């Protein structure tokens, strides 16, 4: 997570790291996996603009998106 706090980090890199962390948490077994997955979901829910940022990142990477 400290990587996400770096200054000058490209948007596409930050979103990719966030997606990697989320995917890793979802794959963790047991109560720890559930706890971390729920925590990440709460973080995403508290940041309603995050979905838009993810779409913008996709556009920058050449993926077709609808905003």
PDB file of N, CA and C in Angstrom:
ATOM      1  N   UNK A   1       0.810  -1.191   0.000  1.00  0.00           N
ATOM      2  CA  UNK A   1       0.000   0.000   0.000  1.00  0.00           C
ATOM      3  C   UNK A   1       0.855   1.258   0.000  1.00  0.00           C
ATOM      4  N   UNK A   2       2.046   1.186   0.539  1.00  0.00           N
ATOM      5  CA  UNK A   2       2.892   2.381   0.547  1.00  0.00           C
ATOM      6  C   UNK A   2       3.255   2.801  -0.870  1.00  0.00           C
ATOM      7  N   UNK A   3       3.264   1.855  -1.801  1.00  0.00           N
ATOM      8  CA  UNK A   3       3.545   2.171  -3.203  1.00  0.00           C
ATOM      9  C   UNK A   3       2.493   3.139  -3.741  1.00  0.00           C
ATOM     10  N   UNK A   4       1.239   3.003  -3.296  1.00  0.00           N
ATOM     11  CA  UNK A   4       0.166   3.888  -3.743  1.00  0.00           C
ATOM     12  C   UNK A   4       0.332   5.306  -3.207  1.00  0.00           C
ATOM     13  N   UNK A   5       1.124   5.489  -2.164  1.00  0.00           N
ATOM     14  CA  UNK A   5       1.330   6.803  -1.571  1.00  0.00           C
ATOM     15  C   UNK A   5       2.450   7.584  -2.244  1.00  0.00           C
ATOM     16  N   UNK A   6       3.143   6.965  -3.178  1.00  0.00           N
ATOM     17  CA  UNK A   6       4.250   7.623  -3.871  1.00  0.00           C
ATOM     18  C   UNK A   6       3.777   8.832  -4.652  1.00  0.00           C
ATOM     19  N   UNK A   7       4.575   9.867  -4.645  1.00  0.00           N
ATOM     20  CA  UNK A   7       4.290  11.040  -5.464  1.00  0.00           C
ATOM     21  C   UNK A   7       4.711  10.743  -6.894  1.00  0.00           C
ATOM     22  N   UNK A   8       3.944  11.283  -7.831  1.00  0.00           N
ATOM     23  CA  UNK A   8       4.301  11.133  -9.231  1.00  0.00           C
ATOM     24  C   UNK A   8       3.949   9.783  -9.821  1.00  0.00           C
ATOM     25  N   UNK A   9       3.239   8.961  -9.076  1.00  0.00           N
ATOM     26  CA  UNK A   9       2.840   7.641  -9.566  1.00  0.00           C
ATOM     27  C   UNK A   9       1.763   7.826 -10.632  1.00  0.00           C
ATOM     28  N   UNK A  10       1.950   7.210 -11.779  1.00  0.00           N
ATOM     29  CA  UNK A  10       0.976   7.337 -12.859  1.00  0.00           C
ATOM     30  C   UNK A  10      -0.359   6.733 -12.447  1.00  0.00           C
ATOM     31  N   UNK A  11      -1.423   7.344 -12.942  1.00  0.00           N
ATOM     32  CA  UNK A  11      -2.767   6.882 -12.617  1.00  0.00           C
ATOM     33  C   UNK A  11      -2.961   5.418 -12.985  1.00  0.00           C
ATOM     34  N   UNK A  12      -2.514   5.046 -14.160  1.00  0.00           N
ATOM     35  CA  UNK A  12      -2.701   3.663 -14.606  1.00  0.00           C
ATOM     36  C   UNK A  12      -1.956   2.679 -13.709  1.00  0.00           C
ATOM     37  N   UNK A  13      -0.785   3.081 -13.226  1.00  0.00           N
ATOM     38  CA  UNK A  13      -0.004   2.224 -12.323  1.00  0.00           C
ATOM     39  C   UNK A  13      -0.710   2.085 -10.979  1.00  0.00           C
ATOM     40  N   UNK A  14      -1.216   3.202 -10.455  1.00  0.00           N
ATOM     41  CA  UNK A  14      -1.903   3.172  -9.164  1.00  0.00           C
ATOM     42  C   UNK A  14      -3.157   2.304  -9.229  1.00  0.00           C
ATOM     43  N   UNK A  15      -3.927   2.435 -10.292  1.00  0.00           N
ATOM     44  CA  UNK A  15      -5.154   1.639 -10.437  1.00  0.00           C
ATOM     45  C   UNK A  15      -4.807   0.158 -10.602  1.00  0.00           C
ATOM     46  N   UNK A  16      -3.752  -0.116 -11.343  1.00  0.00           N
ATOM     47  CA  UNK A  16      -3.315  -1.501 -11.513  1.00  0.00           C
ATOM     48  C   UNK A  16      -2.908  -2.115 -10.175  1.00  0.00           C
ATOM     49  N   UNK A  17      -2.170  -1.358  -9.376  1.00  0.00           N
ATOM     50  CA  UNK A  17      -1.774  -1.844  -8.043  1.00  0.00           C
ATOM     51  C   UNK A  17      -2.994  -2.094  -7.165  1.00  0.00           C
ATOM     52  N   UNK A  18      -3.945  -1.174  -7.202  1.00  0.00           N
ATOM     53  CA  UNK A  18      -5.163  -1.320  -6.415  1.00  0.00           C
ATOM     54  C   UNK A  18      -5.933  -2.573  -6.835  1.00  0.00           C
ATOM     55  N   UNK A  19      -6.037  -2.794  -8.137  1.00  0.00           N
ATOM     56  CA  UNK A  19      -6.722  -3.994  -8.631  1.00  0.00           C
ATOM     57  C   UNK A  19      -5.986  -5.270  -8.225  1.00  0.00           C
ATOM     58  N   UNK A  20      -4.667  -5.237  -8.259  1.00  0.00           N
ATOM     59  CA  UNK A  20      -3.868  -6.395  -7.860  1.00  0.00           C
ATOM     60  C   UNK A  20      -4.082  -6.723  -6.382  1.00  0.00           C
ATOM     61  N   UNK A  21      -4.081  -5.694  -5.550  1.00  0.00           N
ATOM     62  CA  UNK A  21      -4.296  -5.893  -4.109  1.00  0.00           C
ATOM     63  C   UNK A  21      -5.689  -6.451  -3.862  1.00  0.00           C
ATOM     64  N   UNK A  22      -6.687  -5.881  -4.520  1.00  0.00           N
ATOM     65  CA  UNK A  22      -8.066  -6.353  -4.345  1.00  0.00           C
ATOM     66  C   UNK A  22      -8.198  -7.814  -4.760  1.00  0.00           C
ATOM     67  N   UNK A  23      -7.624  -8.168  -5.892  1.00  0.00           N
ATOM     68  CA  UNK A  23      -7.668  -9.550  -6.370  1.00  0.00           C
ATOM     69  C   UNK A  23      -6.960 -10.491  -5.396  1.00  0.00           C
ATOM     70  N   UNK A  24      -5.823 -10.050  -4.874  1.00  0.00           N
ATOM     71  CA  UNK A  24      -5.072 -10.874  -3.915  1.00  0.00           C
ATOM     72  C   UNK A  24      -5.882 -11.099  -2.641  1.00  0.00           C
ATOM     73  N   UNK A  25      -6.542 -10.047  -2.151  1.00  0.00           N
ATOM     74  CA  UNK A  25      -7.368 -10.184  -0.953  1.00  0.00           C
ATOM     75  C   UNK A  25      -8.518 -11.151  -1.204  1.00  0.00           C
ATOM     76  N   UNK A  26      -9.125 -11.074  -2.380  1.00  0.00           N
ATOM     77  CA  UNK A  26     -10.251 -11.960  -2.705  1.00  0.00           C
ATOM     78  C   UNK A  26      -9.840 -13.421  -2.748  1.00  0.00           C
ATOM     79  N   UNK A  27      -8.581 -13.690  -3.027  1.00  0.00           N
ATOM     80  CA  UNK A  27      -8.094 -15.073  -3.123  1.00  0.00           C
ATOM     81  C   UNK A  27      -7.665 -15.655  -1.778  1.00  0.00           C
ATOM     82  N   UNK A  28      -7.521 -14.810  -0.756  1.00  0.00           N
ATOM     83  CA  UNK A  28      -7.086 -15.305   0.547  1.00  0.00           C
ATOM     84  C   UNK A  28      -8.181 -16.149   1.187  1.00  0.00           C
ATOM     85  N   UNK A  29      -7.815 -17.301   1.730  1.00  0.00           N
ATOM     86  CA  UNK A  29      -8.820 -18.164   2.351  1.00  0.00           C
ATOM     87  C   UNK A  29      -9.137 -17.743   3.788  1.00  0.00           C
ATOM     88  N   UNK A  30     -10.250 -18.227   4.279  1.00  0.00           N
ATOM     89  CA  UNK A  30     -10.588 -18.098   5.682  1.00  0.00           C
ATOM     90  C   UNK A  30     -11.031 -16.714   6.113  1.00  0.00           C
ATOM     91  N   UNK A  31     -11.013 -16.525   7.435  1.00  0.00           N
ATOM     92  CA  UNK A  31     -11.526 -15.290   8.017  1.00  0.00           C
ATOM     93  C   UNK A  31     -10.655 -14.078   7.672  1.00  0.00           C
ATOM     94  N   UNK A  32      -9.347 -14.288   7.531  1.00  0.00           N
ATOM     95  CA  UNK A  32      -8.468 -13.183   7.155  1.00  0.00           C
ATOM     96  C   UNK A  32      -8.824 -12.673   5.760  1.00  0.00           C
ATOM     97  N   UNK A  33      -9.042 -13.577   4.849  1.00  0.00           N
ATOM     98  CA  UNK A  33      -9.433 -13.198   3.493  1.00  0.00           C
ATOM     99  C   UNK A  33     -10.741 -12.439   3.474  1.00  0.00           C
ATOM    100  N   UNK A  34     -11.723 -12.930   4.227  1.00  0.00           N
ATOM    101  CA  UNK A  34     -13.026 -12.247   4.299  1.00  0.00           C
ATOM    102  C   UNK A  34     -12.880 -10.864   4.910  1.00  0.00           C
ATOM    103  N   UNK A  35     -12.080 -10.758   5.988  1.00  0.00           N
ATOM    104  CA  UNK A  35     -11.898  -9.481   6.666  1.00  0.00           C
ATOM    105  C   UNK A  35     -11.248  -8.448   5.733  1.00  0.00           C
ATOM    106  N   UNK A  36     -10.190  -8.857   5.040  1.00  0.00           N
ATOM    107  CA  UNK A  36      -9.488  -7.930   4.155  1.00  0.00           C
ATOM    108  C   UNK A  36     -10.338  -7.557   2.946  1.00  0.00           C
ATOM    109  N   UNK A  37     -11.089  -8.518   2.420  1.00  0.00           N
ATOM    110  CA  UNK A  37     -11.980  -8.246   1.298  1.00  0.00           C
ATOM    111  C   UNK A  37     -13.060  -7.248   1.703  1.00  0.00           C
ATOM    112  N   UNK A  38     -13.638  -7.440   2.895  1.00  0.00           N
ATOM    113  CA  UNK A  38     -14.662  -6.518   3.389  1.00  0.00           C
ATOM    114  C   UNK A  38     -14.084  -5.132   3.627  1.00  0.00           C
ATOM    115  N   UNK A  39     -12.875  -5.074   4.163  1.00  0.00           N
ATOM    116  CA  UNK A  39     -12.213  -3.789   4.408  1.00  0.00           C
ATOM    117  C   UNK A  39     -11.991  -3.042   3.090  1.00  0.00           C
ATOM    118  N   UNK A  40     -11.528  -3.758   2.065  1.00  0.00           N
ATOM    119  CA  UNK A  40     -11.294  -3.135   0.766  1.00  0.00           C
ATOM    120  C   UNK A  40     -12.613  -2.651   0.167  1.00  0.00           C
ATOM    121  N   UNK A  41     -13.671  -3.425   0.334  1.00  0.00           N
ATOM    122  CA  UNK A  41     -14.988  -3.031  -0.168  1.00  0.00           C
ATOM    123  C   UNK A  41     -15.449  -1.745   0.511  1.00  0.00           C
ATOM    124  N   UNK A  42     -15.232  -1.634   1.825  1.00  0.00           N
ATOM    125  CA  UNK A  42     -15.614  -0.424   2.553  1.00  0.00           C
ATOM    126  C   UNK A  42     -14.821   0.789   2.061  1.00  0.00           C
ATOM    127  N   UNK A  43     -13.548   0.582   1.789  1.00  0.00           N
ATOM    128  CA  UNK A  43     -12.711   1.663   1.266  1.00  0.00           C
ATOM    129  C   UNK A  43     -13.246   2.125  -0.084  1.00  0.00           C
ATOM    130  N   UNK A  44     -13.581   1.173  -0.947  1.00  0.00           N
ATOM    131  CA  UNK A  44     -14.119   1.514  -2.268  1.00  0.00           C
ATOM    132  C   UNK A  44     -15.468   2.211  -2.149  1.00  0.00           C
ATOM    133  N   UNK A  45     -16.305   1.764  -1.213  1.00  0.00           N
ATOM    134  CA  UNK A  45     -17.624   2.373  -1.015  1.00  0.00           C
ATOM    135  C   UNK A  45     -17.510   3.819  -0.516  1.00  0.00           C
ATOM    136  N   UNK A  46     -16.482   4.106   0.274  1.00  0.00           N
ATOM    137  CA  UNK A  46     -16.283   5.465   0.797  1.00  0.00           C
ATOM    138  C   UNK A  46     -15.686   6.403  -0.246  1.00  0.00           C
ATOM    139  N   UNK A  47     -15.276   5.861  -1.375  1.00  0.00           N
ATOM    140  CA  UNK A  47     -14.665   6.648  -2.447  1.00  0.00           C
ATOM    141  C   UNK A  47     -15.469   6.473  -3.725  1.00  0.00           C
ATOM    142  N   UNK A  48     -16.610   7.174  -3.830  1.00  0.00           N
ATOM    143  CA  UNK A  48     -17.498   6.965  -4.975  1.00  0.00           C
ATOM    144  C   UNK A  48     -16.866   7.334  -6.317  1.00  0.00           C
ATOM    145  N   UNK A  49     -15.882   8.194  -6.332  1.00  0.00           N
ATOM    146  CA  UNK A  49     -15.229   8.565  -7.577  1.00  0.00           C
ATOM    147  C   UNK A  49     -14.225   7.543  -8.063  1.00  0.00           C
ATOM    148  N   UNK A  50     -13.957   6.538  -7.259  1.00  0.00           N
ATOM    149  CA  UNK A  50     -12.960   5.536  -7.614  1.00  0.00           C
ATOM    150  C   UNK A  50     -13.332   4.787  -8.895  1.00  0.00           C
ATOM    151  N   UNK A  51     -14.596   4.497  -9.060  1.00  0.00           N
ATOM    152  CA  UNK A  51     -15.032   3.781 -10.268  1.00  0.00           C
ATOM    153  C   UNK A  51     -14.767   4.628 -11.515  1.00  0.00           C
ATOM    154  N   UNK A  52     -14.989   5.938 -11.402  1.00  0.00           N
ATOM    155  CA  UNK A  52     -14.698   6.839 -12.526  1.00  0.00           C
ATOM    156  C   UNK A  52     -13.203   6.877 -12.806  1.00  0.00           C
ATOM    157  N   UNK A  53     -12.405   6.919 -11.753  1.00  0.00           N
ATOM    158  CA  UNK A  53     -10.947   6.916 -11.912  1.00  0.00           C
ATOM    159  C   UNK A  53     -10.494   5.634 -12.614  1.00  0.00           C
ATOM    160  N   UNK A  54     -11.097   4.505 -12.252  1.00  0.00           N
ATOM    161  CA  UNK A  54     -10.759   3.236 -12.893  1.00  0.00           C
ATOM    162  C   UNK A  54     -11.114   3.266 -14.382  1.00  0.00           C
ATOM    163  N   UNK A  55     -12.259   3.879 -14.712  1.00  0.00           N
ATOM    164  CA  UNK A  55     -12.653   3.976 -16.114  1.00  0.00           C
ATOM    165  C   UNK A  55     -11.691   4.876 -16.890  1.00  0.00           C
ATOM    166  N   UNK A  56     -11.307   5.985 -16.283  1.00  0.00           N
ATOM    167  CA  UNK A  56     -10.353   6.888 -16.931  1.00  0.00           C
ATOM    168  C   UNK A  56      -9.032   6.174 -17.157  1.00  0.00           C
ATOM    169  N   UNK A  57      -8.590   5.399 -16.181  1.00  0.00           N
ATOM    170  CA  UNK A  57      -7.364   4.629 -16.328  1.00  0.00           C
ATOM    171  C   UNK A  57      -7.476   3.659 -17.499  1.00  0.00           C
ATOM    172  N   UNK A  58      -8.630   3.016 -17.622  1.00  0.00           N
ATOM    173  CA  UNK A  58      -8.854   2.105 -18.736  1.00  0.00           C
ATOM    174  C   UNK A  58      -8.780   2.818 -20.078  1.00  0.00           C
ATOM    175  N   UNK A  59      -9.355   4.006 -20.142  1.00  0.00           N
ATOM    176  CA  UNK A  59      -9.308   4.798 -21.369  1.00  0.00           C
ATOM    177  C   UNK A  59      -7.863   5.135 -21.713  1.00  0.00           C
ATOM    178  N   UNK A  60      -7.096   5.524 -20.715  1.00  0.00           N
ATOM    179  CA  UNK A  60      -5.674   5.858 -20.941  1.00  0.00           C
ATOM    180  C   UNK A  60      -4.885   4.656 -21.447  1.00  0.00           C
ATOM    181  N   UNK A  61      -5.351   3.458 -21.098  1.00  0.00           N
ATOM    182  CA  UNK A  61      -4.683   2.241 -21.542  1.00  0.00           C
ATOM    183  C   UNK A  61      -5.258   1.722 -22.855  1.00  0.00           C
ATOM    184  N   UNK A  62      -6.208   2.474 -23.440  1.00  0.00           N
ATOM    185  CA  UNK A  62      -6.758   2.096 -24.727  1.00  0.00           C
ATOM    186  C   UNK A  62      -7.924   1.133 -24.670  1.00  0.00           C
ATOM    187  N   UNK A  63      -8.486   0.927 -23.479  1.00  0.00           N
ATOM    188  CA  UNK A  63      -9.641   0.034 -23.339  1.00  0.00           C
ATOM    189  C   UNK A  63     -10.915   0.828 -23.617  1.00  0.00           C
ATOM    190  N   UNK A  64     -11.866   0.254 -24.332  1.00  0.00           N
ATOM    191  CA  UNK A  64     -13.133   0.960 -24.564  1.00  0.00           C
ATOM    192  C   UNK A  64     -13.919   1.077 -23.252  1.00  0.00           C
ATOM    193  N   UNK A  65     -14.382   2.265 -22.957  1.00  0.00           N
ATOM    194  CA  UNK A  65     -15.105   2.521 -21.716  1.00  0.00           C
ATOM    195  C   UNK A  65     -16.311   3.410 -22.006  1.00  0.00           C
ATOM    196  N   UNK A  66     -17.321   3.320 -21.161  1.00  0.00           N
ATOM    197  CA  UNK A  66     -18.425   4.271 -21.186  1.00  0.00           C
ATOM    198  C   UNK A  66     -18.466   4.952 -19.841  1.00  0.00           C
ATOM    199  N   UNK A  67     -18.537   6.264 -19.887  1.00  0.00           N
ATOM    200  CA  UNK A  67     -18.567   7.027 -18.623  1.00  0.00           C
ATOM    201  C   UNK A  67     -19.952   7.594 -18.426  1.00  0.00           C
TER     202      UNK A  67
END
